[in-house]
Amino acid sequence: MTLKPSAGDVSELEWTKSSYSGDSNSNECLEVAACQDTIHIRDSKNPDGPQLHLQPAAWADFVAYAADQDCRAV
């Protein structure tokens, strides 16, 4: 997944849906919004619910790890 950093405050985040959240996975939707210092992650079914916030380096480590896994086997 490639993200373009978003300018502005948290209320103006530009959310990107995971490329793994297609029509066949309509109940499993992850959205990500990138800021300069924080990556925001939320469940698209509950946009006003809790969010996970990570530093960009931690997100990059996670994405690299996930790319090495066969996530579709779960």
N, C-alpha and C. Protein backbone atom coordinates (compact mmCIF):
# COMPACT_ATOMS: atom_id res chain seq x y z
N MET A 1 0.86 -1.16 0.00
CA MET A 1 0.00 0.00 0.00
C MET A 1 0.90 1.22 0.00
N THR A 2 0.58 2.17 -0.85
CA THR A 2 1.34 3.41 -0.92
C THR A 2 0.46 4.53 -0.39
N LEU A 3 1.03 5.36 0.45
CA LEU A 3 0.28 6.46 1.04
C LEU A 3 0.92 7.79 0.69
N LYS A 4 0.08 8.79 0.47
CA LYS A 4 0.55 10.14 0.26
C LYS A 4 0.30 10.91 1.54
N PRO A 5 1.32 11.52 2.14
CA PRO A 5 1.10 12.26 3.39
C PRO A 5 0.00 13.31 3.24
N SER A 6 -0.80 13.42 4.28
CA SER A 6 -1.92 14.35 4.30
C SER A 6 -1.55 15.61 5.07
N ALA A 7 -1.94 16.75 4.56
CA ALA A 7 -1.70 18.00 5.26
C ALA A 7 -2.92 18.32 6.12
N GLY A 8 -2.76 19.18 7.09
CA GLY A 8 -3.89 19.61 7.90
C GLY A 8 -3.99 18.84 9.20
N ASP A 9 -5.07 19.13 9.96
CA ASP A 9 -5.24 18.49 11.24
C ASP A 9 -5.98 17.16 11.09
N VAL A 10 -6.19 16.48 12.22
CA VAL A 10 -6.78 15.15 12.21
C VAL A 10 -8.18 15.15 11.60
N SER A 11 -8.94 16.22 11.76
CA SER A 11 -10.29 16.27 11.20
C SER A 11 -10.29 16.33 9.68
N GLU A 12 -9.15 16.63 9.08
CA GLU A 12 -9.05 16.73 7.63
C GLU A 12 -8.21 15.61 7.01
N LEU A 13 -8.13 14.49 7.69
CA LEU A 13 -7.34 13.38 7.17
C LEU A 13 -7.93 12.83 5.88
N GLU A 14 -7.06 12.39 4.99
CA GLU A 14 -7.48 11.73 3.76
C GLU A 14 -7.27 10.23 3.96
N TRP A 15 -8.37 9.52 4.14
CA TRP A 15 -8.32 8.08 4.43
C TRP A 15 -8.23 7.29 3.13
N THR A 16 -7.39 6.25 3.16
CA THR A 16 -7.21 5.34 2.03
C THR A 16 -7.61 3.95 2.48
N LYS A 17 -8.50 3.32 1.73
CA LYS A 17 -8.93 1.96 2.07
C LYS A 17 -7.87 0.97 1.61
N SER A 18 -7.66 -0.06 2.40
CA SER A 18 -6.69 -1.09 2.06
C SER A 18 -7.03 -1.73 0.72
N SER A 19 -6.00 -2.02 -0.05
CA SER A 19 -6.21 -2.69 -1.34
C SER A 19 -6.70 -4.12 -1.14
N TYR A 20 -6.57 -4.67 0.06
CA TYR A 20 -7.09 -6.01 0.37
C TYR A 20 -8.56 -5.96 0.76
N SER A 21 -9.16 -4.79 0.88
CA SER A 21 -10.56 -4.65 1.25
C SER A 21 -11.39 -4.48 -0.02
N GLY A 22 -11.56 -5.54 -0.73
CA GLY A 22 -12.34 -5.50 -1.97
C GLY A 22 -13.77 -5.94 -1.75
N ASP A 23 -14.48 -6.17 -2.84
CA ASP A 23 -15.87 -6.58 -2.77
C ASP A 23 -16.05 -7.88 -2.02
N SER A 24 -15.11 -8.80 -2.13
CA SER A 24 -15.25 -10.09 -1.46
C SER A 24 -14.97 -9.98 0.04
N ASN A 25 -14.36 -8.88 0.50
CA ASN A 25 -14.04 -8.69 1.91
C ASN A 25 -14.73 -7.45 2.46
N SER A 26 -15.99 -7.23 2.11
CA SER A 26 -16.67 -5.99 2.47
C SER A 26 -16.80 -5.79 3.98
N ASN A 27 -16.68 -6.86 4.76
CA ASN A 27 -16.78 -6.73 6.22
C ASN A 27 -15.42 -6.58 6.89
N GLU A 28 -14.36 -6.57 6.12
CA GLU A 28 -13.00 -6.49 6.68
C GLU A 28 -12.27 -5.32 6.05
N CYS A 29 -12.66 -4.10 6.41
CA CYS A 29 -12.12 -2.91 5.75
C CYS A 29 -11.22 -2.12 6.70
N LEU A 30 -10.00 -1.96 6.30
CA LEU A 30 -9.03 -1.17 7.04
C LEU A 30 -8.75 0.09 6.24
N GLU A 31 -8.72 1.23 6.93
CA GLU A 31 -8.39 2.50 6.29
C GLU A 31 -7.19 3.11 7.00
N VAL A 32 -6.36 3.80 6.21
CA VAL A 32 -5.14 4.40 6.73
C VAL A 32 -5.06 5.84 6.25
N ALA A 33 -4.62 6.72 7.14
CA ALA A 33 -4.37 8.12 6.77
C ALA A 33 -2.98 8.49 7.28
N ALA A 34 -2.19 9.08 6.41
CA ALA A 34 -0.81 9.42 6.76
C ALA A 34 -0.66 10.91 6.99
N CYS A 35 -0.03 11.26 8.10
CA CYS A 35 0.40 12.62 8.39
C CYS A 35 1.92 12.60 8.45
N GLN A 36 2.51 13.72 8.65
CA GLN A 36 3.97 13.78 8.67
C GLN A 36 4.56 12.94 9.80
N ASP A 37 3.97 12.99 10.98
CA ASP A 37 4.54 12.31 12.14
C ASP A 37 3.74 11.12 12.63
N THR A 38 2.58 10.84 12.04
CA THR A 38 1.71 9.79 12.54
C THR A 38 0.97 9.10 11.41
N ILE A 39 0.83 7.78 11.53
CA ILE A 39 -0.02 7.01 10.63
C ILE A 39 -1.27 6.64 11.43
N HIS A 40 -2.43 6.99 10.92
CA HIS A 40 -3.71 6.71 11.59
C HIS A 40 -4.34 5.50 10.91
N ILE A 41 -4.86 4.57 11.72
CA ILE A 41 -5.47 3.35 11.20
C ILE A 41 -6.83 3.20 11.87
N ARG A 42 -7.86 2.86 11.06
CA ARG A 42 -9.20 2.68 11.62
C ARG A 42 -9.97 1.61 10.86
N ASP A 43 -11.06 1.17 11.45
CA ASP A 43 -12.00 0.24 10.83
C ASP A 43 -13.00 1.08 10.04
N SER A 44 -13.10 0.87 8.75
CA SER A 44 -13.98 1.70 7.93
C SER A 44 -15.45 1.53 8.28
N LYS A 45 -15.80 0.43 8.92
CA LYS A 45 -17.19 0.23 9.33
C LYS A 45 -17.53 1.07 10.55
N ASN A 46 -16.52 1.58 11.24
CA ASN A 46 -16.72 2.37 12.46
C ASN A 46 -15.78 3.58 12.43
N PRO A 47 -16.00 4.52 11.51
CA PRO A 47 -15.06 5.63 11.35
C PRO A 47 -14.94 6.54 12.57
N ASP A 48 -15.95 6.57 13.43
CA ASP A 48 -15.87 7.40 14.63
C ASP A 48 -15.37 6.61 15.83
N GLY A 49 -15.04 5.35 15.62
CA GLY A 49 -14.56 4.49 16.70
C GLY A 49 -13.08 4.69 16.98
N PRO A 50 -12.52 3.77 17.73
CA PRO A 50 -11.10 3.91 18.10
C PRO A 50 -10.18 3.82 16.88
N GLN A 51 -9.04 4.46 17.01
CA GLN A 51 -8.03 4.44 15.96
C GLN A 51 -6.70 4.02 16.57
N LEU A 52 -5.89 3.43 15.75
CA LEU A 52 -4.52 3.10 16.12
C LEU A 52 -3.63 4.14 15.47
N HIS A 53 -2.69 4.69 16.25
CA HIS A 53 -1.76 5.70 15.74
C HIS A 53 -0.35 5.15 15.87
N LEU A 54 0.40 5.16 14.79
CA LEU A 54 1.77 4.65 14.78
C LEU A 54 2.72 5.70 14.23
N GLN A 55 3.98 5.61 14.65
CA GLN A 55 5.00 6.43 14.03
C GLN A 55 5.29 5.83 12.66
N PRO A 56 5.68 6.66 11.69
CA PRO A 56 5.93 6.15 10.35
C PRO A 56 6.92 4.99 10.29
N ALA A 57 7.94 4.98 11.13
CA ALA A 57 8.91 3.88 11.11
C ALA A 57 8.26 2.57 11.56
N ALA A 58 7.38 2.64 12.55
CA ALA A 58 6.69 1.43 13.01
C ALA A 58 5.74 0.92 11.92
N TRP A 59 5.07 1.82 11.21
CA TRP A 59 4.19 1.41 10.12
C TRP A 59 4.99 0.76 9.00
N ALA A 60 6.13 1.34 8.66
CA ALA A 60 6.99 0.77 7.62
C ALA A 60 7.46 -0.62 8.01
N ASP A 61 7.82 -0.82 9.28
CA ASP A 61 8.22 -2.15 9.75
C ASP A 61 7.07 -3.14 9.63
N PHE A 62 5.85 -2.71 10.01
CA PHE A 62 4.68 -3.58 9.91
C PHE A 62 4.39 -3.96 8.46
N VAL A 63 4.41 -2.98 7.56
CA VAL A 63 4.12 -3.25 6.15
C VAL A 63 5.15 -4.22 5.57
N ALA A 64 6.42 -4.03 5.91
CA ALA A 64 7.46 -4.95 5.44
C ALA A 64 7.23 -6.36 5.97
N TYR A 65 6.86 -6.47 7.24
CA TYR A 65 6.58 -7.78 7.83
C TYR A 65 5.36 -8.42 7.15
N ALA A 66 4.29 -7.65 7.00
CA ALA A 66 3.06 -8.19 6.41
C ALA A 66 3.29 -8.63 4.96
N ALA A 67 4.14 -7.92 4.24
CA ALA A 67 4.42 -8.28 2.85
C ALA A 67 5.09 -9.64 2.76
N ASP A 68 5.80 -10.05 3.81
CA ASP A 68 6.47 -11.35 3.82
C ASP A 68 5.56 -12.49 4.26
N GLN A 69 4.34 -12.16 4.69
CA GLN A 69 3.41 -13.16 5.20
C GLN A 69 2.37 -13.50 4.14
N ASP A 70 1.77 -14.66 4.25
CA ASP A 70 0.67 -15.02 3.37
C ASP A 70 -0.62 -14.72 4.12
N CYS A 71 -1.00 -13.44 4.13
CA CYS A 71 -2.16 -12.98 4.92
C CYS A 71 -3.47 -13.55 4.41
N ARG A 72 -3.53 -13.95 3.18
CA ARG A 72 -4.79 -14.46 2.63
C ARG A 72 -5.05 -15.89 3.08
N ALA A 73 -4.08 -16.54 3.71
CA ALA A 73 -4.25 -17.91 4.16
C ALA A 73 -5.03 -18.00 5.47
N VAL A 74 -5.24 -16.85 6.12
CA VAL A 74 -5.93 -16.83 7.41
C VAL A 74 -7.41 -17.00 7.23
